[in-house]
Amino acid sequence: MQILQALAGLLERSHGEKITTAALAKHLSLSEAALYRHFASKAQMFDGLIDFIESSIFGLINRIGEREENGLLQVEAVTTMLLHFAERNPGMTRVLIGDALLNENAGLQRRMSQFYDRLELAIRQCFRLAESQGFIEKEKAALYALVLVGFVTGRWHRYARSGFTVRLSDEVAEQIRLLLP
């Protein structure tokens, strides 16, 4: 876990530069060989970060679904959580938007594409609930989910481009209300 936390920390400060195992080892005061005793490759390290992101985000989405019965309030809570997650984890945001994976294993990029498909599906489910509750027009759940995922990823990109200085949580409720019916 310390290796993954250090990798996320380096990603936060990297400004888009590639993170090498040598730099990670130096940051941790370890040898590269010590890193490779825990992970077979740098791709496995990124895979570990993606595992953390997925388990955190989808675990929180599940809890929101269990706690909130109103579909639109689920959407609002999930959107807020996604923005807060990125704000609290700037290094992970680089993974979420793909910056950190540009020069890495193509399988990692495919895995993040699957993450986005799964995220869109989870948000679509919230909108389907809202649809069944009469809050949105029939057959619009997929469209709303697509727009909302685009909004979230756009905010994540802006956050990273700002050097993590733009606060994602500022006026988030007002922004979400502009997107919801």
Protein backbone atom coordinates (compact mmCIF):
# COMPACT_ATOMS: atom_id res chain seq x y z
CA MET A 1 0.00 0.00 0.00
CA GLN A 2 2.90 2.36 0.74
CA ILE A 3 4.20 1.85 -2.80
CA LEU A 4 0.80 2.69 -4.28
CA GLN A 5 0.45 5.77 -2.03
CA ALA A 6 3.90 6.94 -3.09
CA LEU A 7 3.05 6.37 -6.75
CA ALA A 8 -0.14 8.42 -6.35
CA GLY A 9 1.87 11.15 -4.62
CA LEU A 10 4.39 11.27 -7.46
CA LEU A 11 1.56 11.40 -10.00
CA GLU A 12 0.13 14.40 -8.16
CA ARG A 13 3.41 16.27 -8.51
CA SER A 14 4.46 14.95 -11.94
CA HIS A 15 2.64 17.50 -14.14
CA GLY A 16 2.23 14.84 -16.81
CA GLU A 17 5.79 13.52 -16.85
CA LYS A 18 6.24 9.77 -16.92
CA ILE A 19 6.93 8.20 -13.52
CA THR A 20 9.82 5.74 -13.64
CA THR A 21 10.39 2.89 -11.25
CA ALA A 22 13.78 4.45 -10.48
CA ALA A 23 12.09 7.69 -9.36
CA LEU A 24 9.53 5.75 -7.33
CA ALA A 25 12.25 3.66 -5.68
CA LYS A 26 14.26 6.78 -4.86
CA HIS A 27 11.18 8.48 -3.41
CA LEU A 28 10.61 5.47 -1.14
CA SER A 29 14.33 5.07 -0.33
CA LEU A 30 14.23 1.56 -1.78
CA SER A 31 15.98 -0.23 -4.56
CA GLU A 32 14.13 -0.98 -7.78
CA ALA A 33 14.61 -4.65 -6.96
CA ALA A 34 12.66 -4.12 -3.73
CA LEU A 35 9.78 -2.63 -5.73
CA TYR A 36 9.79 -5.64 -8.03
CA ARG A 37 9.55 -8.00 -5.06
CA HIS A 38 6.08 -6.53 -4.43
CA PHE A 39 4.99 -5.91 -8.02
CA ALA A 40 6.14 -7.78 -11.12
CA SER A 41 5.94 -4.63 -13.23
CA LYS A 42 5.01 -0.98 -13.17
CA ALA A 43 1.80 -1.98 -14.95
CA GLN A 44 0.89 -4.04 -11.88
CA MET A 45 1.44 -0.98 -9.72
CA PHE A 46 -0.98 1.03 -11.85
CA ASP A 47 -3.34 -1.93 -11.80
CA GLY A 48 -3.26 -1.70 -8.00
CA LEU A 49 -4.17 2.00 -8.18
CA ILE A 50 -7.05 1.21 -10.52
CA ASP A 51 -8.21 -1.53 -8.13
CA PHE A 52 -8.24 1.05 -5.31
CA ILE A 53 -10.14 3.57 -7.43
CA GLU A 54 -12.74 1.02 -8.52
CA SER A 55 -13.33 -0.46 -5.09
CA SER A 56 -13.57 3.00 -3.50
CA ILE A 57 -15.85 4.59 -6.08
CA PHE A 58 -18.17 1.65 -6.69
CA GLY A 59 -18.32 0.86 -2.98
CA LEU A 60 -19.46 4.43 -2.33
CA ILE A 61 -21.97 4.29 -5.19
CA ASN A 62 -23.44 1.11 -3.71
CA ARG A 63 -23.74 2.75 -0.29
CA ILE A 64 -25.48 5.77 -1.82
CA GLY A 65 -27.93 3.44 -3.58
CA GLU A 66 -28.68 1.63 -0.34
CA ARG A 67 -29.13 4.84 1.64
CA GLU A 68 -31.07 7.00 -0.82
CA GLU A 69 -34.39 5.96 -2.38
CA ASN A 70 -34.88 8.99 -4.66
CA GLY A 71 -33.17 8.46 -8.04
CA LEU A 72 -32.34 12.13 -8.61
CA LEU A 73 -30.89 12.47 -5.13
CA GLN A 74 -28.78 9.38 -5.85
CA VAL A 75 -27.46 11.07 -9.00
CA GLU A 76 -26.64 14.22 -7.04
CA ALA A 77 -24.88 12.26 -4.29
CA VAL A 78 -22.90 10.13 -6.75
CA THR A 79 -21.81 13.19 -8.76
CA THR A 80 -20.76 15.03 -5.63
CA MET A 81 -18.86 11.98 -4.39
CA LEU A 82 -17.01 11.61 -7.72
CA LEU A 83 -15.86 15.23 -7.60
CA HIS A 84 -14.87 15.02 -3.94
CA PHE A 85 -12.98 11.75 -4.57
CA ALA A 86 -10.87 13.46 -7.23
CA GLU A 87 -10.33 16.52 -5.07
CA ARG A 88 -9.07 14.37 -2.19
CA ASN A 89 -6.93 12.16 -4.48
CA PRO A 90 -5.18 14.33 -7.07
CA GLY A 91 -2.72 11.59 -8.07
CA MET A 92 -5.63 9.20 -8.66
CA THR A 93 -7.25 11.89 -10.81
CA ARG A 94 -4.32 11.58 -13.22
CA VAL A 95 -5.16 7.88 -13.50
CA LEU A 96 -8.89 8.60 -13.88
CA ILE A 97 -8.36 10.97 -16.80
CA GLY A 98 -5.71 8.75 -18.37
CA ASP A 99 -2.75 11.16 -18.12
CA ALA A 100 -0.75 8.72 -16.03
CA LEU A 101 -1.45 5.84 -18.42
CA LEU A 102 -0.47 7.48 -21.73
CA ASN A 103 2.90 5.78 -22.11
CA GLU A 104 2.02 2.69 -20.14
CA ASN A 105 0.58 -0.73 -20.91
CA ALA A 106 -2.39 -0.58 -23.34
CA GLY A 107 -4.26 -3.00 -21.07
CA LEU A 108 -4.40 -0.30 -18.40
CA GLN A 109 -6.08 2.08 -20.82
CA ARG A 110 -8.61 -0.62 -21.72
CA ARG A 111 -9.24 -1.17 -18.04
CA MET A 112 -9.98 2.53 -17.54
CA SER A 113 -12.36 2.42 -20.53
CA GLN A 114 -14.17 -0.42 -18.78
CA PHE A 115 -14.23 1.67 -15.60
CA TYR A 116 -15.98 4.48 -17.50
CA ASP A 117 -18.49 2.05 -19.02
CA ARG A 118 -19.25 0.71 -15.57
CA LEU A 119 -19.50 4.23 -14.11
CA GLU A 120 -21.91 5.29 -16.83
CA LEU A 121 -23.99 2.16 -16.20
CA ALA A 122 -24.15 2.88 -12.46
CA ILE A 123 -25.29 6.44 -13.09
CA ARG A 124 -27.77 5.22 -15.70
CA GLN A 125 -29.27 2.95 -13.04
CA CYS A 126 -29.83 5.97 -10.78
CA PHE A 127 -31.52 7.78 -13.66
CA ARG A 128 -33.65 4.72 -14.44
CA LEU A 129 -34.85 4.81 -10.86
CA ALA A 130 -35.63 8.52 -11.27
CA GLU A 131 -37.45 7.64 -14.50
CA SER A 132 -39.57 5.00 -12.73
CA GLN A 133 -40.35 7.59 -10.05
CA GLY A 134 -41.57 10.04 -12.68
CA PHE A 135 -38.73 12.57 -12.25
CA ILE A 136 -37.43 12.33 -15.82
CA GLU A 137 -38.96 11.50 -19.20
CA LYS A 138 -39.17 7.86 -20.24
CA GLU A 139 -36.22 6.56 -22.27
CA LYS A 140 -33.92 9.44 -21.23
CA ALA A 141 -31.86 7.69 -18.53
CA ALA A 142 -28.99 6.75 -20.88
CA LEU A 143 -28.81 10.27 -22.31
CA TYR A 144 -28.73 11.89 -18.87
CA ALA A 145 -26.04 9.43 -17.72
CA LEU A 146 -23.89 10.21 -20.76
CA VAL A 147 -24.13 13.95 -20.13
CA LEU A 148 -23.38 13.58 -16.42
CA VAL A 149 -20.31 11.39 -16.99
CA GLY A 150 -19.11 13.97 -19.52
CA PHE A 151 -19.59 16.72 -16.94
CA VAL A 152 -17.65 14.80 -14.26
CA THR A 153 -14.76 13.90 -16.56
CA GLY A 154 -14.60 17.47 -17.80
CA ARG A 155 -14.35 18.71 -14.23
CA TRP A 156 -11.63 16.12 -13.50
CA HIS A 157 -9.65 17.29 -16.55
CA ARG A 158 -9.98 20.95 -15.55
CA TYR A 159 -8.82 20.08 -12.03
CA ALA A 160 -5.71 18.33 -13.35
CA ARG A 161 -4.95 21.08 -15.89
CA SER A 162 -5.12 23.67 -13.10
CA GLY A 163 -2.37 21.85 -11.21
CA PHE A 164 -5.06 20.75 -8.71
CA THR A 165 -5.82 24.31 -7.66
CA VAL A 166 -9.41 24.61 -8.95
CA ARG A 167 -11.71 23.35 -6.21
CA LEU A 168 -14.15 20.81 -7.59
CA SER A 169 -16.45 21.11 -4.60
CA ASP A 170 -17.13 24.84 -5.12
CA GLU A 171 -20.75 25.35 -6.19
CA VAL A 172 -21.10 21.65 -7.04
CA ALA A 173 -24.75 21.51 -5.97
CA GLU A 174 -25.63 24.44 -8.25
CA GLN A 175 -23.76 22.89 -11.18
CA ILE A 176 -25.52 19.55 -10.74
CA ARG A 177 -28.93 21.23 -10.58
CA LEU A 178 -28.24 22.80 -13.98
CA LEU A 179 -27.79 19.30 -15.42
CA LEU A 180 -30.80 17.65 -13.81
CA PRO A 181 -34.44 18.09 -14.78
